[in-house]
Amino acid sequence: MRILVPYNVTGQVVWMAGALLSAVLLAAPAAFAEPADPFLLHDGDGLVVRGHLQLGVNAVTEQNLFWNFSGTFAPDTGFDPDTEWIEGYLKPGLSFERSLDDGLTIYGKASLVASGTLGTDAFDTGDTGGVTLEEGYLGLRFNGVDGPGFDLSAGPREFTAGTGMLIANGGSSGFDRGALKLGPHKAWAVAALGRLSWDKVTTTAFYLDANEAPDSDTGTRIVGVDLRYQPSDDSFAGVTAATVVASSAPYPKAAPGGVGVPSILPGARDGLRLIDLYGRTRPFDGALKNLFMTAELALERNDDIDLQAWAGRIQIGYVFADRPWSPTLVYSYQTFSGDDPSTSRLERFDPLYYEGSPSAWSTGSKSSMVFINSNVASHQISLRLSPTPRDTLTLRYAHILADQLRSPIQYGQATRVDVSDGGLDAIAGVTAHHLSDDLFLEYIRVLRPNLYLTAGISVSIPGAGVDSIVNANAPSWTGAFVNLVADF
């Protein structure tokens, strides 16, 4: 549900977020040492009622947005590749748990998000905002002591299957909702979940309807099941199987041989079937006990449009726990198939609703705003340092490649005229695999319990693939941000 309100109201909400955060910053440290929980409204007679509050404010600056593509492809639109904006949100909520006899518990939660943007953001949208329902679910839970337990719930809520490669972010942010970077909208518009757990095995059946923006709602509905075995906190293995039972989302298909404008297949997501295998382990003891490995493989099929696509990731990391600042070094390679222009089959991987944060499934930092997880691959390295228990510094590097040349990378992106053998050909995608190299330095400071300061700077250096789009040396795309987020 979306409630339209005048911008001056949502703008005031954004500034309220900033004012509240400032007030928290200026509060005496003793206020945070109190043992009492101010958000615990009632706890007695088997009933617990709790208030919730998330709020954030973010200041962003960008230069040479999208490697200044607008200067080549849309010079007359007035798009400014250098921009700054401020965004914010408030998310108040209320939850309850009621204990019944025989281990049963009824629970529920309701929350709203008021979000907005002041100034013009990266997608040339500004002075926008609104108030939307975020969560509104009821559930029934049984905690089995020596046997199986179950958890049933229905209503708008957050849900992630597996590692978030395909099913995680059920809500869309930015555009008319504002708060593009903070991304406060996470919950699915409809989430019916049934979870059965026994010992170390959890099985979750789900029905999901994404909370997409009204002007781009594809009506995508997904049913599936996730089976997960977790013997310890840092080791697990699982499989997710799902089917898209309804959707109007189209797919682009590369022109034969990559020469010509891509064709558009309307409603192509409808009927998509997927299976996703994932796992994480610490395989060694002794000196290598802090080494961890993850692996994931997803396959997609849709017989109606002859689609066969795949994606995967391998990752290896090590925590130098006995070294100063406890460095954590991680290397990963992830790839998402693109449509091969030399075949009649469609090989384009559909990333659905993946978790796109830098620590999860984004492909690069800047580049992830352009390239969705389709027809791209990347080598990524991260180094995380903890100088103090309250400070974290992370450096991320991504070397980003196109999987298939002359094939759509982003929906409708980079279709242009190319001169070859004395003729003019319309092509899409890129003619060289190397897209970009992204560097992202992020600093996080825990200012108070539940209050976090984050700052970052990033640069995306275009590769030969991006240069081939503009037929020139594209400029580097840079940016920075600083935000405050509280979560009570």
Protein backbone atom coordinates (compact mmCIF):
# COMPACT_ATOMS: atom_id res chain seq x y z
CA MET A 1 0.00 0.00 0.00
CA ARG A 2 1.30 3.44 -0.90
CA ILE A 3 0.06 6.67 0.67
CA LEU A 4 0.70 9.74 -1.48
CA VAL A 5 1.51 12.87 0.46
CA PRO A 6 2.72 16.31 -0.63
CA TYR A 7 6.49 16.57 -0.90
CA ASN A 8 6.73 19.30 1.72
CA VAL A 9 5.45 16.73 4.22
CA THR A 10 7.91 13.99 3.23
CA GLY A 11 10.69 16.56 3.06
CA GLN A 12 9.96 17.50 6.63
CA VAL A 13 10.07 13.81 7.53
CA VAL A 14 13.55 13.54 6.03
CA TRP A 15 14.77 16.54 7.98
CA MET A 16 13.18 15.10 11.10
CA ALA A 17 15.38 12.04 10.60
CA GLY A 18 18.44 14.25 10.51
CA ALA A 19 17.32 16.21 13.54
CA LEU A 20 16.63 13.06 15.54
CA LEU A 21 20.00 11.62 14.63
CA SER A 22 21.69 14.86 15.69
CA ALA A 23 19.85 14.74 18.99
CA VAL A 24 21.05 11.18 19.56
CA LEU A 25 24.63 12.21 18.77
CA LEU A 26 24.49 15.01 21.31
CA ALA A 27 22.91 12.86 24.00
CA ALA A 28 24.98 12.13 27.07
CA PRO A 29 26.71 8.73 27.04
CA ALA A 30 24.96 7.85 30.28
CA ALA A 31 21.67 7.80 28.43
CA PHE A 32 22.93 4.76 26.55
CA ALA A 33 24.10 2.97 29.65
CA GLU A 34 20.63 2.67 31.14
CA PRO A 35 19.63 -1.01 31.46
CA ALA A 36 15.98 -0.25 30.77
CA ASP A 37 14.76 -0.71 27.19
CA PRO A 38 12.72 2.39 26.26
CA PHE A 39 11.13 0.53 23.36
CA LEU A 40 9.80 -2.28 25.56
CA LEU A 41 6.23 -1.10 26.06
CA HIS A 42 4.82 -4.11 27.92
CA ASP A 43 6.16 -7.40 29.28
CA GLY A 44 3.84 -9.41 31.47
CA ASP A 45 1.19 -12.13 31.55
CA GLY A 46 2.72 -13.80 28.51
CA LEU A 47 2.44 -10.67 26.33
CA VAL A 48 5.41 -8.65 25.05
CA VAL A 49 4.81 -5.43 23.12
CA ARG A 50 7.77 -3.57 21.65
CA GLY A 51 8.22 -0.40 19.66
CA HIS A 52 10.73 -0.14 16.84
CA LEU A 53 12.42 2.75 15.09
CA GLN A 54 14.86 2.92 12.21
CA LEU A 55 16.00 6.24 10.79
CA GLY A 56 18.74 7.44 8.54
CA VAL A 57 20.09 10.45 6.66
CA ASN A 58 22.59 10.26 3.81
CA ALA A 59 24.54 12.93 1.88
CA VAL A 60 25.83 11.85 -1.55
CA THR A 61 27.97 13.43 -4.26
CA GLU A 62 28.65 11.98 -7.72
CA GLN A 63 30.88 13.13 -10.58
CA ASN A 64 30.79 11.83 -14.18
CA LEU A 65 27.75 9.69 -13.43
CA PHE A 66 27.61 6.56 -15.61
CA TRP A 67 30.98 7.56 -17.12
CA ASN A 68 29.19 10.59 -18.60
CA PHE A 69 27.25 8.48 -21.14
CA SER A 70 24.66 11.26 -21.28
CA GLY A 71 27.16 13.55 -22.95
CA THR A 72 27.31 11.12 -25.90
CA PHE A 73 23.83 9.66 -26.12
CA ALA A 74 21.58 12.40 -24.70
CA PRO A 75 23.39 15.75 -24.79
CA ASP A 76 20.15 17.73 -25.18
CA THR A 77 18.28 16.27 -22.20
CA GLY A 78 19.94 18.51 -19.62
CA PHE A 79 21.11 15.52 -17.52
CA ASP A 80 23.83 16.67 -15.15
CA PRO A 81 26.52 14.00 -14.58
CA ASP A 82 27.72 15.90 -11.49
CA THR A 83 25.16 16.02 -8.71
CA GLU A 84 24.65 16.07 -4.94
CA TRP A 85 21.64 15.17 -2.87
CA ILE A 86 20.45 14.43 0.65
CA GLU A 87 18.08 11.57 1.42
CA GLY A 88 16.50 10.21 4.57
CA TYR A 89 13.87 7.95 6.03
CA LEU A 90 11.95 7.10 9.18
CA LYS A 91 10.62 3.62 9.89
CA PRO A 92 8.50 3.39 13.04
CA GLY A 93 6.97 0.06 13.97
CA LEU A 94 5.19 -1.97 16.62
CA SER A 95 5.44 -5.70 17.32
CA PHE A 96 3.94 -8.16 19.79
CA GLU A 97 4.36 -11.73 20.98
CA ARG A 98 1.70 -13.62 22.94
CA SER A 99 2.68 -16.91 24.55
CA LEU A 100 -0.02 -19.58 24.59
CA ASP A 101 -0.14 -23.02 26.12
CA ASP A 102 1.89 -25.97 24.84
CA GLY A 103 4.73 -23.90 23.38
CA LEU A 104 2.66 -21.90 20.90
CA THR A 105 3.29 -18.19 20.28
CA ILE A 106 1.24 -15.71 18.28
CA TYR A 107 3.25 -12.79 16.97
CA GLY A 108 3.03 -9.90 14.54
CA LYS A 109 4.56 -6.65 13.42
CA ALA A 110 3.48 -3.47 11.61
CA SER A 111 5.70 -0.66 10.31
CA LEU A 112 5.67 2.30 7.94
CA VAL A 113 8.45 3.93 5.92
CA ALA A 114 8.48 7.68 5.31
CA SER A 115 11.29 8.45 2.88
CA GLY A 116 12.39 11.29 0.67
CA THR A 117 15.15 12.92 -1.37
CA LEU A 118 16.20 16.56 -1.45
CA GLY A 119 18.07 17.50 -4.61
CA THR A 120 18.58 15.42 -7.75
CA ASP A 121 19.81 11.84 -7.38
CA ALA A 122 21.78 9.61 -9.76
CA PHE A 123 18.70 8.75 -11.82
CA ASP A 124 17.77 12.39 -12.36
CA THR A 125 14.95 12.21 -9.83
CA GLY A 126 14.67 14.74 -7.05
CA ASP A 127 12.45 16.36 -4.43
CA THR A 128 10.40 13.18 -4.16
CA GLY A 129 9.11 11.08 -1.31
CA GLY A 130 6.20 9.21 0.15
CA VAL A 131 4.87 7.11 2.99
CA THR A 132 4.34 3.39 2.45
CA LEU A 133 3.33 0.38 4.47
CA GLU A 134 6.45 -1.73 5.00
CA GLU A 135 5.50 -4.63 7.31
CA GLY A 136 2.13 -5.92 8.41
CA TYR A 137 2.21 -9.62 9.20
CA LEU A 138 0.81 -12.11 11.70
CA GLY A 139 2.32 -15.44 12.62
CA LEU A 140 2.02 -18.57 14.72
CA ARG A 141 5.16 -20.28 16.03
CA PHE A 142 5.81 -23.53 17.89
CA ASN A 143 9.22 -24.14 19.41
CA GLY A 144 9.74 -27.87 19.71
CA VAL A 145 12.14 -28.79 22.52
CA ASP A 146 12.94 -32.38 21.56
CA GLY A 147 11.17 -32.48 18.21
CA PRO A 148 10.24 -30.41 15.20
CA GLY A 149 9.06 -26.82 15.40
CA PHE A 150 7.10 -24.74 12.94
CA ASP A 151 6.54 -21.08 12.06
CA LEU A 152 3.66 -19.85 9.89
CA SER A 153 3.19 -16.22 8.89
CA ALA A 154 1.44 -14.10 6.27
CA GLY A 155 1.60 -10.44 5.31
CA PRO A 156 4.16 -7.90 4.16
CA ARG A 157 7.55 -8.71 5.65
CA GLU A 158 11.24 -9.22 4.84
CA PHE A 159 12.41 -12.63 3.63
CA THR A 160 15.65 -13.96 2.13
CA ALA A 161 16.10 -17.37 0.53
CA GLY A 162 19.59 -18.85 0.72
CA THR A 163 22.34 -16.25 0.48
CA GLY A 164 20.21 -13.63 -1.28
CA MET A 165 21.52 -14.36 -4.76
CA LEU A 166 17.99 -14.34 -6.24
CA ILE A 167 15.38 -13.75 -3.54
CA ALA A 168 16.10 -11.10 -0.91
CA ASN A 169 15.15 -7.49 -1.57
CA GLY A 170 11.37 -7.52 -1.92
CA GLY A 171 10.87 -3.74 -1.98
CA SER A 172 12.07 -1.02 -4.34
CA SER A 173 13.46 2.36 -3.26
CA GLY A 174 14.33 5.55 -5.07
CA PHE A 175 12.38 7.35 -7.80
CA ASP A 176 9.02 8.56 -6.44
CA ARG A 177 9.74 6.90 -3.06
CA GLY A 178 13.09 8.66 -2.56
CA ALA A 179 16.05 7.42 -0.48
CA LEU A 180 17.74 5.73 -3.43
CA LYS A 181 21.02 4.82 -1.72
CA LEU A 182 19.73 4.08 1.78
CA GLY A 183 17.18 1.67 0.30
CA PRO A 184 14.81 1.43 3.29
CA HIS A 185 12.16 -0.60 1.42
CA LYS A 186 13.03 -4.28 1.91
CA ALA A 187 9.76 -6.08 2.66
CA TRP A 188 7.72 -8.05 0.14
CA ALA A 189 4.20 -6.75 -0.52
CA VAL A 190 2.92 -10.26 0.23
CA ALA A 191 4.94 -12.97 1.97
CA ALA A 192 3.28 -16.23 3.01
CA LEU A 193 5.87 -18.37 4.79
CA GLY A 194 5.75 -21.85 6.29
CA ARG A 195 8.87 -23.00 8.13
CA LEU A 196 9.53 -26.46 9.60
CA SER A 197 12.71 -26.94 11.65
CA TRP A 198 14.16 -29.98 13.32
CA ASP A 199 17.62 -30.16 14.82
CA LYS A 200 19.98 -28.60 12.21
CA VAL A 201 17.59 -28.72 9.22
CA THR A 202 15.14 -25.96 8.26
CA THR A 203 12.65 -26.15 5.40
CA THR A 204 10.81 -22.99 4.34
CA ALA A 205 7.99 -22.87 1.81
CA PHE A 206 7.17 -19.41 0.47
CA TYR A 207 4.82 -17.40 -1.71
CA LEU A 208 6.04 -13.88 -2.54
CA ASP A 209 4.76 -10.80 -4.32
CA ALA A 210 7.34 -8.03 -4.75
CA ASN A 211 6.68 -4.50 -3.48
CA GLU A 212 7.69 -2.76 -6.71
CA ALA A 213 7.15 0.90 -7.52
CA PRO A 214 3.63 1.49 -8.89
CA ASP A 215 4.84 2.80 -12.26
CA SER A 216 7.06 -0.25 -12.86
CA ASP A 217 5.17 -3.05 -11.12
CA THR A 218 5.59 -6.28 -13.09
CA GLY A 219 3.17 -8.27 -10.91
CA THR A 220 5.85 -10.89 -10.28
CA ARG A 221 4.77 -13.69 -7.95
CA ILE A 222 7.07 -16.49 -6.85
CA VAL A 223 6.42 -19.80 -5.09
CA GLY A 224 9.16 -22.07 -3.85
CA VAL A 225 10.94 -23.88 -1.06
CA ASP A 226 14.31 -23.46 0.66
CA LEU A 227 15.99 -26.41 2.40
CA ARG A 228 18.94 -25.55 4.65
CA TYR A 229 21.28 -27.66 6.77
CA GLN A 230 23.35 -25.63 9.27
CA PRO A 231 25.60 -27.63 11.60
CA SER A 232 27.26 -24.50 13.02
CA ASP A 233 27.03 -20.72 12.93
CA ASP A 234 29.57 -20.36 10.12
CA SER A 235 28.85 -23.50 8.06
CA PHE A 236 25.74 -24.35 6.07
CA ALA A 237 24.50 -26.00 2.89
CA GLY A 238 21.19 -25.58 1.16
CA VAL A 239 19.07 -25.54 -1.96
CA THR A 240 16.33 -23.18 -3.14
CA ALA A 241 13.82 -24.21 -5.81
CA ALA A 242 11.22 -21.76 -7.08
CA THR A 243 8.86 -20.93 -9.95
CA VAL A 244 7.60 -17.56 -11.15
CA VAL A 245 3.86 -18.21 -11.39
CA ALA A 246 2.95 -14.78 -12.76
CA SER A 247 4.87 -11.82 -14.20
CA SER A 248 4.66 -9.25 -16.99
CA ALA A 249 8.43 -8.54 -16.92
CA PRO A 250 9.97 -8.64 -20.42
CA TYR A 251 13.39 -9.95 -21.42
CA PRO A 252 15.72 -8.54 -24.08
CA LYS A 253 17.17 -11.01 -26.59
CA ALA A 254 20.34 -10.37 -28.57
CA ALA A 255 19.97 -9.91 -32.31
CA PRO A 256 21.35 -12.80 -34.42
CA GLY A 257 25.11 -12.50 -34.51
CA GLY A 258 24.89 -9.46 -32.27
CA VAL A 259 24.11 -7.22 -35.25
CA GLY A 260 20.85 -5.30 -34.96
CA VAL A 261 18.55 -4.06 -32.25
CA PRO A 262 17.71 -6.60 -29.50
CA SER A 263 14.21 -8.00 -29.61
CA ILE A 264 11.91 -7.67 -26.61
CA LEU A 265 10.04 -10.73 -25.32
CA PRO A 266 6.98 -9.49 -23.38
CA GLY A 267 6.06 -11.35 -20.21
CA ALA A 268 9.11 -13.60 -20.59
CA ARG A 269 9.69 -13.99 -16.85
CA ASP A 270 6.34 -15.76 -16.44
CA GLY A 271 6.99 -19.48 -15.96
CA LEU A 272 10.67 -19.14 -15.01
CA ARG A 273 11.95 -22.09 -12.96
CA LEU A 274 15.12 -22.00 -10.88
CA ILE A 275 17.24 -24.12 -8.60
CA ASP A 276 20.01 -22.63 -6.49
CA LEU A 277 22.61 -24.70 -4.63
CA TYR A 278 24.68 -22.91 -1.99
CA GLY A 279 27.06 -23.64 0.86
CA ARG A 280 29.72 -22.30 3.21
CA THR A 281 32.30 -24.22 5.22
CA ARG A 282 35.45 -23.95 7.31
CA PRO A 283 37.12 -27.10 6.01
CA PHE A 284 40.27 -27.14 8.14
CA ASP A 285 41.32 -27.24 11.77
CA GLY A 286 44.54 -26.11 13.36
CA ALA A 287 46.55 -23.36 11.64
CA LEU A 288 43.94 -22.99 8.86
CA LYS A 289 40.87 -22.98 11.08
CA ASN A 290 40.08 -19.38 10.10
CA LEU A 291 39.94 -20.14 6.39
CA PHE A 292 36.41 -20.24 4.95
CA MET A 293 35.01 -21.11 1.55
CA THR A 294 31.64 -20.55 -0.11
CA ALA A 295 30.20 -21.81 -3.37
CA GLU A 296 26.93 -21.29 -5.20
CA LEU A 297 25.39 -22.45 -8.49
CA ALA A 298 22.01 -21.40 -9.88
CA LEU A 299 20.26 -22.78 -12.96
CA GLU A 300 17.24 -21.18 -14.67
CA ARG A 301 14.89 -22.70 -17.23
CA ASN A 302 11.77 -21.54 -19.06
CA ASP A 303 10.54 -23.90 -21.78
CA ASP A 304 8.02 -21.36 -23.06
CA ILE A 305 10.81 -19.14 -24.41
CA ASP A 306 13.61 -21.75 -24.63
CA LEU A 307 15.63 -20.15 -21.83
CA GLN A 308 18.61 -21.90 -20.26
CA ALA A 309 20.74 -19.66 -18.02
CA TRP A 310 23.11 -20.08 -15.12
CA ALA A 311 25.13 -18.17 -12.54
CA GLY A 312 27.61 -19.01 -9.83
CA ARG A 313 30.17 -17.84 -7.33
CA ILE A 314 33.22 -19.24 -5.61
CA GLN A 315 34.74 -17.46 -2.64
CA ILE A 316 37.66 -18.03 -0.31
CA GLY A 317 38.61 -15.93 2.69
CA TYR A 318 40.84 -15.91 5.73
CA VAL A 319 40.53 -14.14 9.07
CA PHE A 320 43.93 -13.20 10.54
CA ALA A 321 42.50 -13.20 14.04
CA ASP A 322 45.88 -13.09 15.82
CA ARG A 323 47.14 -10.08 13.84
CA PRO A 324 46.69 -6.39 14.73
CA TRP A 325 43.37 -5.02 13.44
CA SER A 326 42.17 -8.62 12.70
CA PRO A 327 42.43 -8.41 8.89
CA THR A 328 39.91 -10.38 6.85
CA LEU A 329 40.93 -11.00 3.23
CA VAL A 330 38.36 -12.39 0.77
CA TYR A 331 38.58 -13.23 -2.94
CA SER A 332 35.52 -14.13 -5.00
CA TYR A 333 34.65 -14.79 -8.62
CA GLN A 334 31.02 -14.51 -9.67
CA THR A 335 29.47 -14.85 -13.10
CA PHE A 336 25.98 -14.48 -14.58
CA SER A 337 25.33 -15.78 -18.08
CA GLY A 338 24.43 -13.48 -20.94
CA ASP A 339 22.49 -14.21 -24.11
CA ASP A 340 24.76 -15.76 -26.75
CA PRO A 341 24.05 -13.95 -30.06
CA SER A 342 25.15 -17.04 -32.05
CA THR A 343 22.30 -19.26 -30.75
CA SER A 344 18.52 -19.18 -31.06
CA ARG A 345 18.23 -20.10 -27.37
CA LEU A 346 17.99 -17.38 -24.68
CA GLU A 347 20.83 -17.63 -22.14
CA ARG A 348 20.25 -14.36 -20.28
CA PHE A 349 20.30 -14.90 -16.50
CA ASP A 350 17.48 -13.21 -14.57
CA PRO A 351 18.80 -12.01 -11.15
CA LEU A 352 15.24 -11.43 -9.87
CA TYR A 353 15.35 -9.64 -6.48
CA TYR A 354 18.94 -10.11 -5.31
CA GLU A 355 20.61 -8.44 -2.34
CA GLY A 356 22.75 -5.79 -4.00
CA SER A 357 24.82 -4.48 -1.11
CA PRO A 358 28.64 -4.49 -1.55
CA SER A 359 29.02 -7.23 1.07
CA ALA A 360 26.46 -9.45 -0.67
CA TRP A 361 25.79 -9.71 -4.43
CA SER A 362 26.65 -6.38 -6.02
CA THR A 363 28.91 -6.48 -9.07
CA GLY A 364 31.31 -3.69 -8.19
CA SER A 365 30.36 -0.51 -6.37
CA LYS A 366 29.68 2.21 -8.94
CA SER A 367 29.16 -0.31 -11.74
CA SER A 368 26.41 -2.08 -9.83
CA MET A 369 24.20 0.97 -10.52
CA VAL A 370 24.49 0.20 -14.25
CA PHE A 371 25.08 -3.53 -14.61
CA ILE A 372 22.52 -5.79 -13.02
CA ASN A 373 23.65 -9.37 -12.37
CA SER A 374 23.11 -10.51 -15.94
CA ASN A 375 25.76 -10.93 -18.67
CA VAL A 376 28.50 -9.85 -16.26
CA ALA A 377 31.34 -11.51 -14.36
CA SER A 378 33.75 -10.12 -11.81
CA HIS A 379 36.85 -10.87 -9.82
CA GLN A 380 36.47 -9.18 -6.44
CA ILE A 381 38.88 -8.74 -3.51
CA SER A 382 38.07 -7.18 -0.15
CA LEU A 383 40.23 -6.37 2.85
CA ARG A 384 38.52 -5.55 6.13
CA LEU A 385 40.36 -4.08 9.12
CA SER A 386 39.12 -3.43 12.66
CA PRO A 387 41.45 -0.92 14.35
CA THR A 388 39.13 -0.88 17.39
CA PRO A 389 35.99 -2.80 18.34
CA ARG A 390 33.98 0.25 17.21
CA ASP A 391 35.75 0.96 13.91
CA THR A 392 35.79 -0.99 10.65
CA LEU A 393 37.62 -0.08 7.46
CA THR A 394 36.97 -2.05 4.25
CA LEU A 395 38.67 -1.73 0.86
CA ARG A 396 36.94 -3.44 -2.07
CA TYR A 397 38.22 -3.93 -5.61
CA ALA A 398 36.26 -5.38 -8.54
CA HIS A 399 37.46 -6.24 -12.04
CA ILE A 400 34.25 -6.43 -14.08
CA LEU A 401 33.78 -8.22 -17.40
CA ALA A 402 31.00 -8.86 -19.89
CA ASP A 403 30.11 -12.54 -20.30
CA GLN A 404 28.88 -12.20 -23.91
CA LEU A 405 29.87 -9.53 -26.44
CA ARG A 406 27.27 -7.70 -28.57
CA SER A 407 24.57 -8.82 -26.14
CA PRO A 408 22.40 -6.78 -23.75
CA ILE A 409 24.05 -6.16 -20.39
CA GLN A 410 21.37 -3.97 -18.90
CA TYR A 411 17.83 -3.90 -20.22
CA GLY A 412 17.82 -1.69 -23.33
CA GLN A 413 21.31 -0.36 -22.62
CA ALA A 414 24.03 0.54 -25.11
CA THR A 415 22.18 -0.03 -28.38
CA ARG A 416 23.95 2.15 -30.95
CA VAL A 417 25.24 2.33 -34.51
CA ASP A 418 28.62 0.82 -35.31
CA VAL A 419 30.61 1.24 -38.52
CA SER A 420 32.03 -2.07 -39.78
CA ASP A 421 33.20 -3.10 -43.26
CA GLY A 422 32.00 0.20 -44.65
CA GLY A 423 28.41 -0.31 -43.42
CA LEU A 424 26.29 0.83 -40.50
CA ASP A 425 25.12 -1.82 -38.01
CA ALA A 426 22.99 -1.46 -34.90
CA ILE A 427 24.59 -3.35 -32.02
CA ALA A 428 23.95 -3.76 -28.31
CA GLY A 429 26.19 -4.44 -25.35
CA VAL A 430 29.94 -4.08 -25.78
CA THR A 431 32.63 -5.21 -28.21
CA ALA A 432 35.33 -5.83 -25.55
CA HIS A 433 34.97 -7.91 -22.39
CA HIS A 434 36.60 -5.55 -19.86
CA LEU A 435 33.89 -3.23 -18.52
CA SER A 436 35.43 -1.44 -15.55
CA ASP A 437 37.58 -1.55 -12.44
CA ASP A 438 35.87 -0.35 -9.26
CA LEU A 439 37.53 0.73 -6.01
CA PHE A 440 35.49 1.38 -2.87
CA LEU A 441 36.82 2.45 0.53
CA GLU A 442 34.26 2.29 3.36
CA TYR A 443 34.56 3.33 7.01
CA ILE A 444 32.02 2.39 9.70
CA ARG A 445 32.03 3.80 13.24
CA VAL A 446 29.72 2.59 16.02
CA LEU A 447 28.94 5.93 17.67
CA ARG A 448 26.53 4.58 20.26
CA PRO A 449 24.67 1.32 20.66
CA ASN A 450 22.28 1.13 17.68
CA LEU A 451 23.82 4.22 16.01
CA TYR A 452 26.24 3.96 13.09
CA LEU A 453 28.26 6.44 11.05
CA THR A 454 29.32 5.27 7.57
CA ALA A 455 31.43 7.14 5.04
CA GLY A 456 32.78 6.01 1.71
CA ILE A 457 34.57 7.08 -1.43
CA SER A 458 34.56 5.16 -4.71
CA VAL A 459 35.81 5.33 -8.26
CA SER A 460 34.97 3.33 -11.38
CA ILE A 461 37.67 3.34 -14.06
CA PRO A 462 36.17 2.39 -17.43
CA GLY A 463 37.62 -0.51 -19.40
CA ALA A 464 37.73 -1.18 -23.11
CA GLY A 465 34.14 -2.42 -23.07
CA VAL A 466 32.73 0.82 -21.67
CA ASP A 467 35.01 2.81 -23.97
CA SER A 468 33.56 0.90 -26.93
CA ILE A 469 30.08 2.14 -26.05
CA VAL A 470 31.07 5.80 -26.50
CA ASN A 471 33.82 5.06 -29.05
CA ALA A 472 36.23 7.15 -26.95
CA ASN A 473 38.10 7.14 -23.65
CA ALA A 474 35.30 7.49 -21.12
CA PRO A 475 36.06 9.46 -17.93
CA SER A 476 36.35 7.86 -14.52
CA TRP A 477 33.19 7.99 -12.41
CA THR A 478 33.76 9.07 -8.80
CA GLY A 479 31.61 9.65 -5.75
CA ALA A 480 31.43 9.86 -1.99
CA PHE A 481 28.84 9.66 0.77
CA VAL A 482 28.41 9.97 4.51
CA ASN A 483 25.40 8.73 6.44
CA LEU A 484 24.03 8.17 9.91
CA VAL A 485 21.68 5.27 10.61
CA ALA A 486 19.96 4.29 13.85
CA ASP A 487 18.16 1.01 14.46
CA PHE A 488 16.24 0.51 17.69
